[in-house]
Amino acid sequence: VVVADPGLFGIAAAGVMQGVSDGTTLFVNSAESAASLRDRLAFPGRIVTWPAGASLPAGAGASIVSPACAGAAARLLGVIGRDALAQAIVAHGTHRGGDAMQSALERGLAAYDI
């Protein structure tokens, strides 16, 4: 399960934790430690945290954070190659201008390469 916005944990209707088990890996965009999240959420599986927005300016939106989360999650899961990730980011961001598209692509691939 990939959670780009940890605020969703507090919204039952979001269903973030629905169907999780001890075999589930939870990848969370958060500076909160995995141990703290495990205790707070009573989560039985593996938790990986990564503060995707830590190096971004205050108020950076999902269009900046999401490609980084997608890149890190793709690498974590190991089933999506770098080229496929790049194609997906470009396809998803066709509505963005050139600079915004390039920034999204760079952030996604940088996260993949970590």
PDB file of N, CA and C in Angstrom:
ATOM      1  N   VAL A   1       0.855  -1.168   0.000  1.00  0.00           N
ATOM      2  CA  VAL A   1       0.000   0.000   0.000  1.00  0.00           C
ATOM      3  C   VAL A   1       0.897   1.226   0.000  1.00  0.00           C
ATOM      4  N   VAL A   2       0.659   2.157  -0.926  1.00  0.00           N
ATOM      5  CA  VAL A   2       1.420   3.394  -1.005  1.00  0.00           C
ATOM      6  C   VAL A   2       0.539   4.535  -0.524  1.00  0.00           C
ATOM      7  N   VAL A   3       1.021   5.288   0.458  1.00  0.00           N
ATOM      8  CA  VAL A   3       0.267   6.405   1.022  1.00  0.00           C
ATOM      9  C   VAL A   3       1.079   7.682   0.835  1.00  0.00           C
ATOM     10  N   ALA A   4       0.669   8.493  -0.144  1.00  0.00           N
ATOM     11  CA  ALA A   4       1.367   9.750  -0.404  1.00  0.00           C
ATOM     12  C   ALA A   4       0.969  10.829   0.588  1.00  0.00           C
ATOM     13  N   ASP A   5      -0.237  10.734   1.139  1.00  0.00           N
ATOM     14  CA  ASP A   5      -0.737  11.717   2.099  1.00  0.00           C
ATOM     15  C   ASP A   5      -1.107  11.012   3.398  1.00  0.00           C
ATOM     16  N   PRO A   6      -0.232  11.063   4.413  1.00  0.00           N
ATOM     17  CA  PRO A   6      -0.514  10.358   5.658  1.00  0.00           C
ATOM     18  C   PRO A   6      -1.747  10.882   6.398  1.00  0.00           C
ATOM     19  N   GLY A   7      -2.261  12.030   6.002  1.00  0.00           N
ATOM     20  CA  GLY A   7      -3.492  12.542   6.589  1.00  0.00           C
ATOM     21  C   GLY A   7      -4.678  11.626   6.306  1.00  0.00           C
ATOM     22  N   LEU A   8      -4.548  10.778   5.285  1.00  0.00           N
ATOM     23  CA  LEU A   8      -5.622   9.850   4.937  1.00  0.00           C
ATOM     24  C   LEU A   8      -5.851   8.779   5.998  1.00  0.00           C
ATOM     25  N   PHE A   9      -4.854   8.541   6.851  1.00  0.00           N
ATOM     26  CA  PHE A   9      -5.044   7.548   7.909  1.00  0.00           C
ATOM     27  C   PHE A   9      -6.191   7.938   8.836  1.00  0.00           C
ATOM     28  N   GLY A  10      -6.414   9.230   9.004  1.00  0.00           N
ATOM     29  CA  GLY A  10      -7.457   9.714   9.901  1.00  0.00           C
ATOM     30  C   GLY A  10      -8.838   9.782   9.272  1.00  0.00           C
ATOM     31  N   ILE A  11      -8.956   9.374   8.022  1.00  0.00           N
ATOM     32  CA  ILE A  11     -10.233   9.439   7.307  1.00  0.00           C
ATOM     33  C   ILE A  11     -10.686   8.014   7.001  1.00  0.00           C
ATOM     34  N   ALA A  12     -11.608   7.528   7.798  1.00  0.00           N
ATOM     35  CA  ALA A  12     -12.061   6.139   7.653  1.00  0.00           C
ATOM     36  C   ALA A  12     -12.565   5.838   6.241  1.00  0.00           C
ATOM     37  N   ALA A  13     -13.246   6.794   5.629  1.00  0.00           N
ATOM     38  CA  ALA A  13     -13.814   6.579   4.300  1.00  0.00           C
ATOM     39  C   ALA A  13     -12.734   6.383   3.231  1.00  0.00           C
ATOM     40  N   ALA A  14     -11.504   6.814   3.508  1.00  0.00           N
ATOM     41  CA  ALA A  14     -10.410   6.638   2.547  1.00  0.00           C
ATOM     42  C   ALA A  14     -10.035   5.163   2.400  1.00  0.00           C
ATOM     43  N   GLY A  15     -10.284   4.388   3.440  1.00  0.00           N
ATOM     44  CA  GLY A  15     -10.052   2.946   3.367  1.00  0.00           C
ATOM     45  C   GLY A  15      -8.596   2.542   3.216  1.00  0.00           C
ATOM     46  N   VAL A  16      -7.684   3.379   3.661  1.00  0.00           N
ATOM     47  CA  VAL A  16      -6.260   3.112   3.474  1.00  0.00           C
ATOM     48  C   VAL A  16      -5.840   1.776   4.086  1.00  0.00           C
ATOM     49  N   MET A  17      -6.385   1.441   5.225  1.00  0.00           N
ATOM     50  CA  MET A  17      -5.960   0.238   5.933  1.00  0.00           C
ATOM     51  C   MET A  17      -6.856  -0.976   5.646  1.00  0.00           C
ATOM     52  N   GLN A  18      -7.806  -0.816   4.758  1.00  0.00           N
ATOM     53  CA  GLN A  18      -8.731  -1.910   4.454  1.00  0.00           C
ATOM     54  C   GLN A  18      -7.989  -3.064   3.773  1.00  0.00           C
ATOM     55  N   GLY A  19      -8.123  -4.243   4.337  1.00  0.00           N
ATOM     56  CA  GLY A  19      -7.546  -5.436   3.739  1.00  0.00           C
ATOM     57  C   GLY A  19      -6.078  -5.686   4.027  1.00  0.00           C
ATOM     58  N   VAL A  20      -5.442  -4.846   4.856  1.00  0.00           N
ATOM     59  CA  VAL A  20      -4.028  -5.067   5.151  1.00  0.00           C
ATOM     60  C   VAL A  20      -3.861  -6.261   6.091  1.00  0.00           C
ATOM     61  N   SER A  21      -2.677  -6.867   6.033  1.00  0.00           N
ATOM     62  CA  SER A  21      -2.375  -8.011   6.891  1.00  0.00           C
ATOM     63  C   SER A  21      -0.905  -7.953   7.276  1.00  0.00           C
ATOM     64  N   ASP A  22      -0.443  -8.958   7.974  1.00  0.00           N
ATOM     65  CA  ASP A  22       0.960  -8.979   8.351  1.00  0.00           C
ATOM     66  C   ASP A  22       1.870  -9.176   7.133  1.00  0.00           C
ATOM     67  N   GLY A  23       1.300  -9.554   6.000  1.00  0.00           N
ATOM     68  CA  GLY A  23       2.062  -9.692   4.764  1.00  0.00           C
ATOM     69  C   GLY A  23       2.081  -8.434   3.910  1.00  0.00           C
ATOM     70  N   THR A  24       1.453  -7.375   4.381  1.00  0.00           N
ATOM     71  CA  THR A  24       1.367  -6.118   3.643  1.00  0.00           C
ATOM     72  C   THR A  24       2.554  -5.221   3.967  1.00  0.00           C
ATOM     73  N   THR A  25       3.107  -4.571   2.945  1.00  0.00           N
ATOM     74  CA  THR A  25       4.112  -3.527   3.145  1.00  0.00           C
ATOM     75  C   THR A  25       3.418  -2.194   2.948  1.00  0.00           C
ATOM     76  N   LEU A  26       3.586  -1.316   3.904  1.00  0.00           N
ATOM     77  CA  LEU A  26       2.997   0.021   3.870  1.00  0.00           C
ATOM     78  C   LEU A  26       4.112   1.015   3.596  1.00  0.00           C
ATOM     79  N   PHE A  27       4.037   1.705   2.469  1.00  0.00           N
ATOM     80  CA  PHE A  27       5.020   2.711   2.082  1.00  0.00           C
ATOM     81  C   PHE A  27       4.367   4.067   2.292  1.00  0.00           C
ATOM     82  N   VAL A  28       4.931   4.874   3.204  1.00  0.00           N
ATOM     83  CA  VAL A  28       4.285   6.119   3.600  1.00  0.00           C
ATOM     84  C   VAL A  28       5.204   7.315   3.370  1.00  0.00           C
ATOM     85  N   ASN A  29       4.676   8.336   2.719  1.00  0.00           N
ATOM     86  CA  ASN A  29       5.364   9.611   2.560  1.00  0.00           C
ATOM     87  C   ASN A  29       5.241  10.355   3.887  1.00  0.00           C
ATOM     88  N   SER A  30       6.222  10.162   4.765  1.00  0.00           N
ATOM     89  CA  SER A  30       6.138  10.762   6.090  1.00  0.00           C
ATOM     90  C   SER A  30       7.511  10.821   6.734  1.00  0.00           C
ATOM     91  N   ALA A  31       7.728  11.859   7.530  1.00  0.00           N
ATOM     92  CA  ALA A  31       8.950  11.948   8.326  1.00  0.00           C
ATOM     93  C   ALA A  31       8.784  11.196   9.649  1.00  0.00           C
ATOM     94  N   GLU A  32       7.558  10.771   9.959  1.00  0.00           N
ATOM     95  CA  GLU A  32       7.305   9.998  11.169  1.00  0.00           C
ATOM     96  C   GLU A  32       7.999   8.636  11.041  1.00  0.00           C
ATOM     97  N   SER A  33       8.567   8.154  12.108  1.00  0.00           N
ATOM     98  CA  SER A  33       9.291   6.884  12.056  1.00  0.00           C
ATOM     99  C   SER A  33       8.338   5.714  11.826  1.00  0.00           C
ATOM    100  N   ALA A  34       8.892   4.664  11.266  1.00  0.00           N
ATOM    101  CA  ALA A  34       8.106   3.454  11.044  1.00  0.00           C
ATOM    102  C   ALA A  34       7.596   2.892  12.371  1.00  0.00           C
ATOM    103  N   ALA A  35       8.421   2.934  13.406  1.00  0.00           N
ATOM    104  CA  ALA A  35       8.013   2.419  14.717  1.00  0.00           C
ATOM    105  C   ALA A  35       6.839   3.215  15.274  1.00  0.00           C
ATOM    106  N   SER A  36       6.892   4.526  15.125  1.00  0.00           N
ATOM    107  CA  SER A  36       5.812   5.370  15.615  1.00  0.00           C
ATOM    108  C   SER A  36       4.509   5.080  14.857  1.00  0.00           C
ATOM    109  N   LEU A  37       4.600   4.973  13.533  1.00  0.00           N
ATOM    110  CA  LEU A  37       3.415   4.652  12.732  1.00  0.00           C
ATOM    111  C   LEU A  37       2.859   3.285  13.108  1.00  0.00           C
ATOM    112  N   ARG A  38       3.743   2.320  13.291  1.00  0.00           N
ATOM    113  CA  ARG A  38       3.294   0.969  13.645  1.00  0.00           C
ATOM    114  C   ARG A  38       2.491   0.996  14.938  1.00  0.00           C
ATOM    115  N   ASP A  39       3.006   1.723  15.937  1.00  0.00           N
ATOM    116  CA  ASP A  39       2.298   1.823  17.217  1.00  0.00           C
ATOM    117  C   ASP A  39       0.969   2.553  17.073  1.00  0.00           C
ATOM    118  N   ARG A  40       1.001   3.681  16.371  1.00  0.00           N
ATOM    119  CA  ARG A  40      -0.197   4.517  16.239  1.00  0.00           C
ATOM    120  C   ARG A  40      -1.295   3.827  15.448  1.00  0.00           C
ATOM    121  N   LEU A  41      -0.900   3.086  14.405  1.00  0.00           N
ATOM    122  CA  LEU A  41      -1.883   2.454  13.525  1.00  0.00           C
ATOM    123  C   LEU A  41      -2.169   0.999  13.886  1.00  0.00           C
ATOM    124  N   ALA A  42      -1.386   0.453  14.817  1.00  0.00           N
ATOM    125  CA  ALA A  42      -1.476  -0.972  15.158  1.00  0.00           C
ATOM    126  C   ALA A  42      -1.363  -1.812  13.882  1.00  0.00           C
ATOM    127  N   PHE A  43      -0.377  -1.469  13.076  1.00  0.00           N
ATOM    128  CA  PHE A  43      -0.181  -2.121  11.783  1.00  0.00           C
ATOM    129  C   PHE A  43       0.705  -3.354  11.951  1.00  0.00           C
ATOM    130  N   PRO A  44       0.260  -4.508  11.458  1.00  0.00           N
ATOM    131  CA  PRO A  44       0.996  -5.751  11.685  1.00  0.00           C
ATOM    132  C   PRO A  44       2.130  -6.041  10.694  1.00  0.00           C
ATOM    133  N   GLY A  45       2.150  -5.335   9.563  1.00  0.00           N
ATOM    134  CA  GLY A  45       3.123  -5.655   8.514  1.00  0.00           C
ATOM    135  C   GLY A  45       4.353  -4.769   8.545  1.00  0.00           C
ATOM    136  N   ARG A  46       5.059  -4.757   7.444  1.00  0.00           N
ATOM    137  CA  ARG A  46       6.279  -3.970   7.280  1.00  0.00           C
ATOM    138  C   ARG A  46       5.897  -2.532   6.908  1.00  0.00           C
ATOM    139  N   ILE A  47       6.594  -1.562   7.507  1.00  0.00           N
ATOM    140  CA  ILE A  47       6.373  -0.156   7.185  1.00  0.00           C
ATOM    141  C   ILE A  47       7.683   0.453   6.706  1.00  0.00           C
ATOM    142  N   VAL A  48       7.592   1.151   5.584  1.00  0.00           N
ATOM    143  CA  VAL A  48       8.728   1.900   5.050  1.00  0.00           C
ATOM    144  C   VAL A  48       8.275   3.352   4.958  1.00  0.00           C
ATOM    145  N   THR A  49       9.031   4.250   5.594  1.00  0.00           N
ATOM    146  CA  THR A  49       8.693   5.668   5.505  1.00  0.00           C
ATOM    147  C   THR A  49       9.756   6.383   4.704  1.00  0.00           C
ATOM    148  N   TRP A  50       9.318   7.399   3.994  1.00  0.00           N
ATOM    149  CA  TRP A  50      10.227   8.208   3.204  1.00  0.00           C
ATOM    150  C   TRP A  50       9.595   9.584   3.066  1.00  0.00           C
ATOM    151  N   PRO A  51      10.265  10.613   3.573  1.00  0.00           N
ATOM    152  CA  PRO A  51       9.689  11.958   3.492  1.00  0.00           C
ATOM    153  C   PRO A  51       9.915  12.586   2.115  1.00  0.00           C
ATOM    154  N   ALA A  52       9.078  12.215   1.146  1.00  0.00           N
ATOM    155  CA  ALA A  52       9.231  12.689  -0.229  1.00  0.00           C
ATOM    156  C   ALA A  52       9.202  14.197  -0.331  1.00  0.00           C
ATOM    157  N   GLY A  53       8.461  14.847   0.545  1.00  0.00           N
ATOM    158  CA  GLY A  53       8.341  16.294   0.478  1.00  0.00           C
ATOM    159  C   GLY A  53       9.349  17.038   1.321  1.00  0.00           C
ATOM    160  N   ALA A  54      10.260  16.340   1.984  1.00  0.00           N
ATOM    161  CA  ALA A  54      11.184  16.992   2.912  1.00  0.00           C
ATOM    162  C   ALA A  54      12.060  18.044   2.259  1.00  0.00           C
ATOM    163  N   SER A  55      12.468  17.819   1.024  1.00  0.00           N
ATOM    164  CA  SER A  55      13.353  18.778   0.364  1.00  0.00           C
ATOM    165  C   SER A  55      12.601  19.756  -0.525  1.00  0.00           C
ATOM    166  N   LEU A  56      11.284  19.747  -0.440  1.00  0.00           N
ATOM    167  CA  LEU A  56      10.467  20.610  -1.284  1.00  0.00           C
ATOM    168  C   LEU A  56      10.072  21.875  -0.543  1.00  0.00           C
ATOM    169  N   PRO A  57       9.766  22.920  -1.283  1.00  0.00           N
ATOM    170  CA  PRO A  57       9.310  24.148  -0.634  1.00  0.00           C
ATOM    171  C   PRO A  57       7.993  23.943   0.103  1.00  0.00           C
ATOM    172  N   ALA A  58       7.773  24.719   1.145  1.00  0.00           N
ATOM    173  CA  ALA A  58       6.521  24.633   1.902  1.00  0.00           C
ATOM    174  C   ALA A  58       5.349  24.821   0.953  1.00  0.00           C
ATOM    175  N   GLY A  59       4.325  23.998   1.130  1.00  0.00           N
ATOM    176  CA  GLY A  59       3.136  24.108   0.299  1.00  0.00           C
ATOM    177  C   GLY A  59       3.234  23.403  -1.044  1.00  0.00           C
ATOM    178  N   ALA A  60       4.321  22.658  -1.265  1.00  0.00           N
ATOM    179  CA  ALA A  60       4.451  21.936  -2.528  1.00  0.00           C
ATOM    180  C   ALA A  60       3.292  20.962  -2.653  1.00  0.00           C
ATOM    181  N   GLY A  61       2.703  20.919  -3.800  1.00  0.00           N
ATOM    182  CA  GLY A  61       1.503  20.117  -3.988  1.00  0.00           C
ATOM    183  C   GLY A  61       1.767  18.695  -4.434  1.00  0.00           C
ATOM    184  N   ALA A  62       0.678  17.965  -4.595  1.00  0.00           N
ATOM    185  CA  ALA A  62       0.732  16.558  -4.984  1.00  0.00           C
ATOM    186  C   ALA A  62       1.395  16.365  -6.338  1.00  0.00           C
ATOM    187  N   SER A  63       1.305  17.360  -7.221  1.00  0.00           N
ATOM    188  CA  SER A  63       1.914  17.207  -8.541  1.00  0.00           C
ATOM    189  C   SER A  63       3.432  17.124  -8.453  1.00  0.00           C
ATOM    190  N   ILE A  64       3.986  17.561  -7.335  1.00  0.00           N
ATOM    191  CA  ILE A  64       5.426  17.462  -7.129  1.00  0.00           C
ATOM    192  C   ILE A  64       5.762  16.227  -6.298  1.00  0.00           C
ATOM    193  N   VAL A  65       4.993  15.964  -5.264  1.00  0.00           N
ATOM    194  CA  VAL A  65       5.267  14.848  -4.360  1.00  0.00           C
ATOM    195  C   VAL A  65       4.902  13.507  -4.999  1.00  0.00           C
ATOM    196  N   SER A  66       3.806  13.439  -5.728  1.00  0.00           N
ATOM    197  CA  SER A  66       3.325  12.170  -6.279  1.00  0.00           C
ATOM    198  C   SER A  66       4.339  11.456  -7.174  1.00  0.00           C
ATOM    199  N   PRO A  67       5.007  12.146  -8.115  1.00  0.00           N
ATOM    200  CA  PRO A  67       5.980  11.415  -8.934  1.00  0.00           C
ATOM    201  C   PRO A  67       7.127  10.838  -8.099  1.00  0.00           C
ATOM    202  N   ALA A  68       7.535  11.550  -7.058  1.00  0.00           N
ATOM    203  CA  ALA A  68       8.598  11.027  -6.192  1.00  0.00           C
ATOM    204  C   ALA A  68       8.116   9.790  -5.449  1.00  0.00           C
ATOM    205  N   CYS A  69       6.903   9.814  -4.936  1.00  0.00           N
ATOM    206  CA  CYS A  69       6.342   8.640  -4.255  1.00  0.00           C
ATOM    207  C   CYS A  69       6.202   7.475  -5.227  1.00  0.00           C
ATOM    208  N   ALA A  70       5.756   7.755  -6.432  1.00  0.00           N
ATOM    209  CA  ALA A  70       5.610   6.694  -7.439  1.00  0.00           C
ATOM    210  C   ALA A  70       6.967   6.076  -7.768  1.00  0.00           C
ATOM    211  N   GLY A  71       7.985   6.907  -7.908  1.00  0.00           N
ATOM    212  CA  GLY A  71       9.317   6.391  -8.215  1.00  0.00           C
ATOM    213  C   GLY A  71       9.877   5.522  -7.104  1.00  0.00           C
ATOM    214  N   ALA A  72       9.742   5.988  -5.873  1.00  0.00           N
ATOM    215  CA  ALA A  72      10.242   5.213  -4.735  1.00  0.00           C
ATOM    216  C   ALA A  72       9.472   3.906  -4.579  1.00  0.00           C
ATOM    217  N   ALA A  73       8.156   3.957  -4.740  1.00  0.00           N
ATOM    218  CA  ALA A  73       7.334   2.752  -4.612  1.00  0.00           C
ATOM    219  C   ALA A  73       7.654   1.764  -5.737  1.00  0.00           C
ATOM    220  N   ALA A  74       7.863   2.262  -6.941  1.00  0.00           N
ATOM    221  CA  ALA A  74       8.201   1.381  -8.067  1.00  0.00           C
ATOM    222  C   ALA A  74       9.495   0.631  -7.776  1.00  0.00           C
ATOM    223  N   ARG A  75      10.468   1.332  -7.242  1.00  0.00           N
ATOM    224  CA  ARG A  75      11.744   0.690  -6.913  1.00  0.00           C
ATOM    225  C   ARG A  75      11.570  -0.300  -5.767  1.00  0.00           C
ATOM    226  N   LEU A  76      10.802   0.078  -4.757  1.00  0.00           N
ATOM    227  CA  LEU A  76      10.566  -0.780  -3.596  1.00  0.00           C
ATOM    228  C   LEU A  76       9.918  -2.094  -4.017  1.00  0.00           C
ATOM    229  N   LEU A  77       8.924  -2.011  -4.897  1.00  0.00           N
ATOM    230  CA  LEU A  77       8.196  -3.206  -5.327  1.00  0.00           C
ATOM    231  C   LEU A  77       8.994  -4.056  -6.303  1.00  0.00           C
ATOM    232  N   GLY A  78       9.864  -3.414  -7.069  1.00  0.00           N
ATOM    233  CA  GLY A  78      10.733  -4.150  -7.971  1.00  0.00           C
ATOM    234  C   GLY A  78      10.068  -4.743  -9.197  1.00  0.00           C
ATOM    235  N   VAL A  79       8.867  -4.328  -9.526  1.00  0.00           N
ATOM    236  CA  VAL A  79       8.175  -4.897 -10.689  1.00  0.00           C
ATOM    237  C   VAL A  79       7.985  -3.875 -11.813  1.00  0.00           C
ATOM    238  N   ILE A  80       8.377  -2.645 -11.578  1.00  0.00           N
ATOM    239  CA  ILE A  80       8.243  -1.593 -12.584  1.00  0.00           C
ATOM    240  C   ILE A  80       9.641  -1.073 -12.900  1.00  0.00           C
ATOM    241  N   GLY A  81      10.036  -1.193 -14.141  1.00  0.00           N
ATOM    242  CA  GLY A  81      11.355  -0.734 -14.563  1.00  0.00           C
ATOM    243  C   GLY A  81      11.423   0.779 -14.675  1.00  0.00           C
ATOM    244  N   ARG A  82      12.630   1.293 -14.710  1.00  0.00           N
ATOM    245  CA  ARG A  82      12.869   2.740 -14.777  1.00  0.00           C
ATOM    246  C   ARG A  82      12.235   3.351 -16.031  1.00  0.00           C
ATOM    247  N   ASP A  83      12.399   2.694 -17.175  1.00  0.00           N
ATOM    248  CA  ASP A  83      11.836   3.221 -18.417  1.00  0.00           C
ATOM    249  C   ASP A  83      10.309   3.253 -18.384  1.00  0.00           C
ATOM    250  N   ALA A  84       9.702   2.200 -17.827  1.00  0.00           N
ATOM    251  CA  ALA A  84       8.241   2.158 -17.714  1.00  0.00           C
ATOM    252  C   ALA A  84       7.749   3.256 -16.775  1.00  0.00           C
ATOM    253  N   LEU A  85       8.489   3.497 -15.694  1.00  0.00           N
ATOM    254  CA  LEU A  85       8.131   4.577 -14.776  1.00  0.00           C
ATOM    255  C   LEU A  85       8.177   5.919 -15.496  1.00  0.00           C
ATOM    256  N   ALA A  86       9.238   6.166 -16.230  1.00  0.00           N
ATOM    257  CA  ALA A  86       9.374   7.432 -16.964  1.00  0.00           C
ATOM    258  C   ALA A  86       8.217   7.621 -17.942  1.00  0.00           C
ATOM    259  N   GLN A  87       7.862   6.567 -18.657  1.00  0.00           N
ATOM    260  CA  GLN A  87       6.750   6.647 -19.609  1.00  0.00           C
ATOM    261  C   GLN A  87       5.438   6.964 -18.893  1.00  0.00           C
ATOM    262  N   ALA A  88       5.231   6.354 -17.738  1.00  0.00           N
ATOM    263  CA  ALA A  88       4.002   6.592 -16.983  1.00  0.00           C
ATOM    264  C   ALA A  88       3.927   8.024 -16.466  1.00  0.00           C
ATOM    265  N   ILE A  89       5.042   8.545 -15.975  1.00  0.00           N
ATOM    266  CA  ILE A  89       5.053   9.925 -15.478  1.00  0.00           C
ATOM    267  C   ILE A  89       4.760  10.899 -16.617  1.00  0.00           C
ATOM    268  N   VAL A  90       5.366  10.664 -17.758  1.00  0.00           N
ATOM    269  CA  VAL A  90       5.127  11.533 -18.917  1.00  0.00           C
ATOM    270  C   VAL A  90       3.676  11.419 -19.378  1.00  0.00           C
ATOM    271  N   ALA A  91       3.162  10.202 -19.467  1.00  0.00           N
ATOM    272  CA  ALA A  91       1.776  10.001 -19.915  1.00  0.00           C
ATOM    273  C   ALA A  91       0.785  10.645 -18.957  1.00  0.00           C
ATOM    274  N   HIS A  92       1.055  10.535 -17.672  1.00  0.00           N
ATOM    275  CA  HIS A  92       0.154  11.107 -16.662  1.00  0.00           C
ATOM    276  C   HIS A  92       0.223  12.628 -16.652  1.00  0.00           C
ATOM    277  N   GLY A  93       1.344  13.185 -17.034  1.00  0.00           N
ATOM    278  CA  GLY A  93       1.531  14.626 -16.932  1.00  0.00           C
ATOM    279  C   GLY A  93       1.452  15.385 -18.228  1.00  0.00           C
ATOM    280  N   THR A  94       0.771  14.836 -19.217  1.00  0.00           N
ATOM    281  CA  THR A  94       0.705  15.519 -20.512  1.00  0.00           C
ATOM    282  C   THR A  94       0.021  16.874 -20.426  1.00  0.00           C
ATOM    283  N   HIS A  95      -0.778  17.103 -19.390  1.00  0.00           N
ATOM    284  CA  HIS A  95      -1.472  18.379 -19.219  1.00  0.00           C
ATOM    285  C   HIS A  95      -0.562  19.457 -18.618  1.00  0.00           C
ATOM    286  N   ARG A  96       0.584  19.056 -18.123  1.00  0.00           N
ATOM    287  CA  ARG A  96       1.501  20.021 -17.505  1.00  0.00           C
ATOM    288  C   ARG A  96       2.348  20.698 -18.574  1.00  0.00           C
ATOM    289  N   GLY A  97       2.838  21.861 -18.234  1.00  0.00           N
ATOM    290  CA  GLY A  97       3.760  22.557 -19.126  1.00  0.00           C
ATOM    291  C   GLY A  97       5.105  21.853 -19.145  1.00  0.00           C
ATOM    292  N   GLY A  98       5.967  22.255 -20.060  1.00  0.00           N
ATOM    293  CA  GLY A  98       7.271  21.624 -20.237  1.00  0.00           C
ATOM    294  C   GLY A  98       8.131  21.582 -18.994  1.00  0.00           C
ATOM    295  N   ASP A  99       8.256  22.717 -18.279  1.00  0.00           N
ATOM    296  CA  ASP A  99       9.087  22.752 -17.080  1.00  0.00           C
ATOM    297  C   ASP A  99       8.501  21.896 -15.964  1.00  0.00           C
ATOM    298  N   ALA A 100       7.189  21.942 -15.795  1.00  0.00           N
ATOM    299  CA  ALA A 100       6.539  21.143 -14.753  1.00  0.00           C
ATOM    300  C   ALA A 100       6.671  19.656 -15.070  1.00  0.00           C
ATOM    301  N   MET A 101       6.532  19.301 -16.336  1.00  0.00           N
ATOM    302  CA  MET A 101       6.681  17.905 -16.752  1.00  0.00           C
ATOM    303  C   MET A 101       8.096  17.421 -16.483  1.00  0.00           C
ATOM    304  N   GLN A 102       9.061  18.237 -16.841  1.00  0.00           N
ATOM    305  CA  GLN A 102      10.461  17.861 -16.640  1.00  0.00           C
ATOM    306  C   GLN A 102      10.774  17.708 -15.152  1.00  0.00           C
ATOM    307  N   SER A 103      10.249  18.598 -14.329  1.00  0.00           N
ATOM    308  CA  SER A 103      10.452  18.525 -12.884  1.00  0.00           C
ATOM    309  C   SER A 103       9.851  17.241 -12.312  1.00  0.00           C
ATOM    310  N   ALA A 104       8.636  16.908 -12.743  1.00  0.00           N
ATOM    311  CA  ALA A 104       7.982  15.684 -12.269  1.00  0.00           C
ATOM    312  C   ALA A 104       8.794  14.455 -12.672  1.00  0.00           C
ATOM    313  N   LEU A 105       9.258  14.449 -13.890  1.00  0.00           N
ATOM    314  CA  LEU A 105      10.051  13.318 -14.383  1.00  0.00           C
ATOM    315  C   LEU A 105      11.356  13.195 -13.592  1.00  0.00           C
ATOM    316  N   GLU A 106      12.023  14.305 -13.366  1.00  0.00           N
ATOM    317  CA  GLU A 106      13.280  14.290 -12.608  1.00  0.00           C
ATOM    318  C   GLU A 106      13.062  13.798 -11.186  1.00  0.00           C
ATOM    319  N   ARG A 107      12.007  14.274 -10.529  1.00  0.00           N
ATOM    320  CA  ARG A 107      11.725  13.850  -9.146  1.00  0.00           C
ATOM    321  C   ARG A 107      11.385  12.367  -9.078  1.00  0.00           C
ATOM    322  N   GLY A 108      10.576  11.892  -9.998  1.00  0.00           N
ATOM    323  CA  GLY A 108      10.217  10.484 -10.009  1.00  0.00           C
ATOM    324  C   GLY A 108      11.406   9.573 -10.244  1.00  0.00           C
ATOM    325  N   LEU A 109      12.243   9.939 -11.203  1.00  0.00           N
ATOM    326  CA  LEU A 109      13.412   9.104 -11.496  1.00  0.00           C
ATOM    327  C   LEU A 109      14.473   9.197 -10.411  1.00  0.00           C
ATOM    328  N   ALA A 110      14.616  10.364  -9.806  1.00  0.00           N
ATOM    329  CA  ALA A 110      15.575  10.517  -8.698  1.00  0.00           C
ATOM    330  C   ALA A 110      15.174   9.629  -7.529  1.00  0.00           C
ATOM    331  N   ALA A 111      13.891   9.580  -7.240  1.00  0.00           N
ATOM    332  CA  ALA A 111      13.408   8.725  -6.149  1.00  0.00           C
ATOM    333  C   ALA A 111      13.612   7.256  -6.501  1.00  0.00           C
ATOM    334  N   TYR A 112      13.414   6.905  -7.734  1.00  0.00           N
ATOM    335  CA  TYR A 112      13.625   5.529  -8.192  1.00  0.00           C
ATOM    336  C   TYR A 112      15.085   5.128  -8.023  1.00  0.00           C
ATOM    337  N   ASP A 113      15.983   6.078  -8.292  1.00  0.00           N
ATOM    338  CA  ASP A 113      17.424   5.792  -8.280  1.00  0.00           C
ATOM    339  C   ASP A 113      18.061   5.774  -6.895  1.00  0.00           C
ATOM    340  N   ILE A 114      17.300   6.145  -5.867  1.00  0.00           N
ATOM    341  CA  ILE A 114      17.878   6.193  -4.512  1.00  0.00           C
ATOM    342  C   ILE A 114      18.319   4.818  -4.086  1.00  0.00           C
TER     343      ILE A 114
END
